[in-house]
């Protein structure tokens, strides 16, 4: 969510040249990100956290009484509304380990393992395809002198 919020802010995007964003296990379907940013949203099939936003249902138009109709598939509604930037790939990965272990599905090391040991080993996977895009070349280099790292403190203001 912290990565999606700035790329949904036109003032931030006017100041910074953000080209790619990767999230894992995040409820990010309600953000309307800048369409120039390539996004990869990774989620495990049994991770409940990415579903907190009801797959973008917050961004869906809300009917008023008495015209409320039940929505059978919120994912289909979100896709039809083109929520996000239109430059978004959502990779839903198989459950890591026990499919009923919801807390384990949200664990950062489980995501790292799923991506490294499964997805990046398969050149046809969504994540391998996404990572082969030339826009990532400046970031995925074996030359450490070509990369500058910044560490910033991120916190919420109450």
Protein backbone atom coordinates (compact mmCIF):
# COMPACT_ATOMS: atom_id res chain seq x y z
CA UNK A 1 0.00 0.00 0.00
CA UNK A 2 2.90 2.31 0.75
CA UNK A 3 4.26 1.76 -2.77
CA UNK A 4 0.89 2.31 -4.47
CA UNK A 5 -0.10 5.48 -2.64
CA UNK A 6 2.64 7.76 -4.08
CA UNK A 7 2.13 6.57 -7.68
CA UNK A 8 -1.54 7.47 -7.33
CA UNK A 9 -0.61 11.04 -6.37
CA UNK A 10 -0.11 13.37 -9.39
CA UNK A 11 2.04 15.79 -7.36
CA UNK A 12 4.42 13.00 -6.35
CA UNK A 13 4.59 11.70 -9.92
CA UNK A 14 5.36 15.19 -11.24
CA UNK A 15 8.39 15.32 -8.95
CA UNK A 16 9.72 11.73 -9.27
CA UNK A 17 10.30 9.44 -12.24
CA UNK A 18 8.80 6.17 -10.99
CA UNK A 19 8.87 3.48 -13.67
CA UNK A 20 8.09 0.19 -11.88
CA UNK A 21 6.46 -0.89 -8.62
CA UNK A 22 6.28 -4.36 -7.09
CA UNK A 23 4.01 -5.27 -4.18
CA UNK A 24 3.38 -8.56 -2.46
CA UNK A 25 0.50 -9.49 -0.22
CA UNK A 26 -1.04 -6.01 -0.42
CA UNK A 27 -4.63 -4.83 -0.87
CA UNK A 28 -3.88 -2.41 -3.72
CA UNK A 29 -6.83 -2.81 -6.10
CA UNK A 30 -8.48 0.48 -5.06
CA UNK A 31 -5.56 2.70 -6.09
CA UNK A 32 -5.71 4.52 -9.42
CA UNK A 33 -2.02 4.61 -10.22
CA UNK A 34 -0.31 6.67 -12.87
CA UNK A 35 -0.66 4.69 -16.14
CA UNK A 36 3.01 5.17 -16.99
CA UNK A 37 4.10 2.99 -14.05
CA UNK A 38 4.45 -0.74 -14.67
CA UNK A 39 3.10 -2.62 -11.66
CA UNK A 40 3.51 -6.20 -10.49
CA UNK A 41 1.21 -7.18 -7.63
CA UNK A 42 2.08 -10.60 -6.23
CA UNK A 43 -0.30 -12.52 -3.98
CA UNK A 44 -0.66 -16.07 -2.72
CA UNK A 45 -4.02 -17.67 -3.53
CA UNK A 46 -4.68 -18.25 0.20
CA UNK A 47 -3.42 -14.88 1.51
CA UNK A 48 -6.42 -13.01 2.88
CA UNK A 49 -4.66 -9.63 3.14
CA UNK A 50 -4.77 -8.76 -0.62
CA UNK A 51 -8.52 -9.38 -0.50
CA UNK A 52 -9.18 -6.80 2.24
CA UNK A 53 -10.03 -4.25 -0.47
CA UNK A 54 -12.61 -6.67 -1.93
CA UNK A 55 -10.68 -6.75 -5.20
CA UNK A 56 -11.34 -3.09 -5.94
CA UNK A 57 -15.00 -3.05 -4.96
CA UNK A 58 -14.45 0.28 -3.18
CA UNK A 59 -13.74 1.88 -6.55
CA UNK A 60 -16.88 0.42 -8.10
CA UNK A 61 -19.89 2.68 -8.60
CA UNK A 62 -22.42 2.19 -5.85
CA UNK A 63 -26.05 1.85 -6.81
CA UNK A 64 -28.57 3.72 -4.72
CA UNK A 65 -31.69 2.23 -3.18
CA UNK A 66 -33.89 0.60 -4.45
CA UNK A 67 -31.64 -0.42 -7.34
CA UNK A 68 -29.13 -2.49 -5.36
CA UNK A 69 -28.26 -5.70 -7.16
CA UNK A 70 -26.07 -8.48 -5.78
CA UNK A 71 -22.57 -8.73 -7.24
CA UNK A 72 -21.58 -12.33 -7.88
CA UNK A 73 -17.94 -11.79 -8.83
CA UNK A 74 -16.16 -8.72 -7.49
CA UNK A 75 -13.03 -9.60 -9.47
CA UNK A 76 -15.00 -9.39 -12.71
CA UNK A 77 -16.50 -6.05 -11.68
CA UNK A 78 -13.03 -4.68 -10.88
CA UNK A 79 -11.63 -5.89 -14.20
CA UNK A 80 -14.50 -4.29 -16.11
CA UNK A 81 -13.91 -0.98 -14.36
CA UNK A 82 -10.21 -1.02 -15.35
CA UNK A 83 -9.15 -0.29 -11.79
CA UNK A 84 -5.48 0.55 -11.45
CA UNK A 85 -3.26 1.85 -14.19
CA UNK A 86 -4.05 -0.55 -16.99
CA UNK A 87 -0.34 -1.35 -16.80
CA UNK A 88 -0.76 -3.79 -13.92
CA UNK A 89 0.08 -7.47 -13.71
CA UNK A 90 -1.40 -9.41 -10.81
CA UNK A 91 0.34 -12.73 -10.22
CA UNK A 92 -1.67 -15.06 -8.00
CA UNK A 93 0.69 -17.78 -6.83
CA UNK A 94 -0.18 -21.23 -5.47
CA UNK A 95 -0.42 -21.49 -1.67
CA UNK A 96 2.96 -22.00 -0.03
CA UNK A 97 2.82 -25.18 2.04
CA UNK A 98 -0.48 -25.82 3.83
CA UNK A 99 -3.31 -24.17 1.85
CA UNK A 100 -5.20 -23.56 5.12
CA UNK A 101 -2.28 -21.70 6.75
CA UNK A 102 -3.48 -18.16 6.14
CA UNK A 103 -0.80 -16.49 8.31
CA UNK A 104 1.94 -18.47 6.58
CA UNK A 105 0.61 -17.36 3.20
CA UNK A 106 1.23 -13.71 4.11
CA UNK A 107 4.77 -14.29 5.42
CA UNK A 108 7.43 -12.32 3.55
CA UNK A 109 9.82 -15.26 3.39
CA UNK A 110 7.05 -17.39 1.85
CA UNK A 111 6.65 -14.79 -0.90
CA UNK A 112 10.41 -14.64 -1.43
CA UNK A 113 10.57 -18.42 -1.69
CA UNK A 114 7.61 -18.61 -4.08
CA UNK A 115 9.15 -16.04 -6.40
CA UNK A 116 12.75 -17.28 -6.30
CA UNK A 117 12.19 -21.03 -6.24
CA UNK A 118 9.12 -21.30 -8.45
CA UNK A 119 8.32 -18.25 -10.54
CA UNK A 120 11.77 -17.07 -11.61
CA UNK A 121 12.80 -20.64 -12.46
CA UNK A 122 10.01 -20.82 -15.04
CA UNK A 123 10.67 -18.49 -17.99
CA UNK A 124 6.98 -18.68 -18.96
CA UNK A 125 5.66 -17.51 -15.56
CA UNK A 126 4.01 -14.09 -15.22
CA UNK A 127 6.79 -12.89 -12.93
CA UNK A 128 9.59 -14.03 -15.26
CA UNK A 129 7.85 -12.36 -18.18
CA UNK A 130 7.34 -9.16 -16.19
CA UNK A 131 10.97 -9.10 -14.99
CA UNK A 132 12.33 -9.48 -18.53
CA UNK A 133 10.97 -6.07 -19.57
CA UNK A 134 13.76 -3.66 -20.63
CA UNK A 135 12.48 -1.00 -18.21
CA UNK A 136 14.01 -3.04 -15.38
CA UNK A 137 17.51 -3.16 -16.88
CA UNK A 138 18.80 -0.20 -14.82
CA UNK A 139 17.75 -1.99 -11.62
CA UNK A 140 18.68 -5.59 -12.43
CA UNK A 141 22.37 -5.21 -13.12
CA UNK A 142 25.46 -7.09 -12.01
CA UNK A 143 27.42 -3.82 -11.88
CA UNK A 144 27.08 -2.44 -8.33
CA UNK A 145 28.56 0.92 -9.35
CA UNK A 146 25.57 1.49 -11.66
CA UNK A 147 23.06 1.44 -8.81
CA UNK A 148 22.46 3.93 -6.00
CA UNK A 149 20.56 2.81 -2.94
CA UNK A 150 18.49 5.08 -0.74
CA UNK A 151 16.97 4.12 2.58
CA UNK A 152 14.08 6.20 3.82
CA UNK A 153 12.00 6.00 6.94
CA UNK A 154 8.36 5.32 6.19
CA UNK A 155 5.73 5.95 8.81
CA UNK A 156 2.12 6.96 9.18
CA UNK A 157 1.02 10.31 10.45
CA UNK A 158 -1.94 10.19 12.81
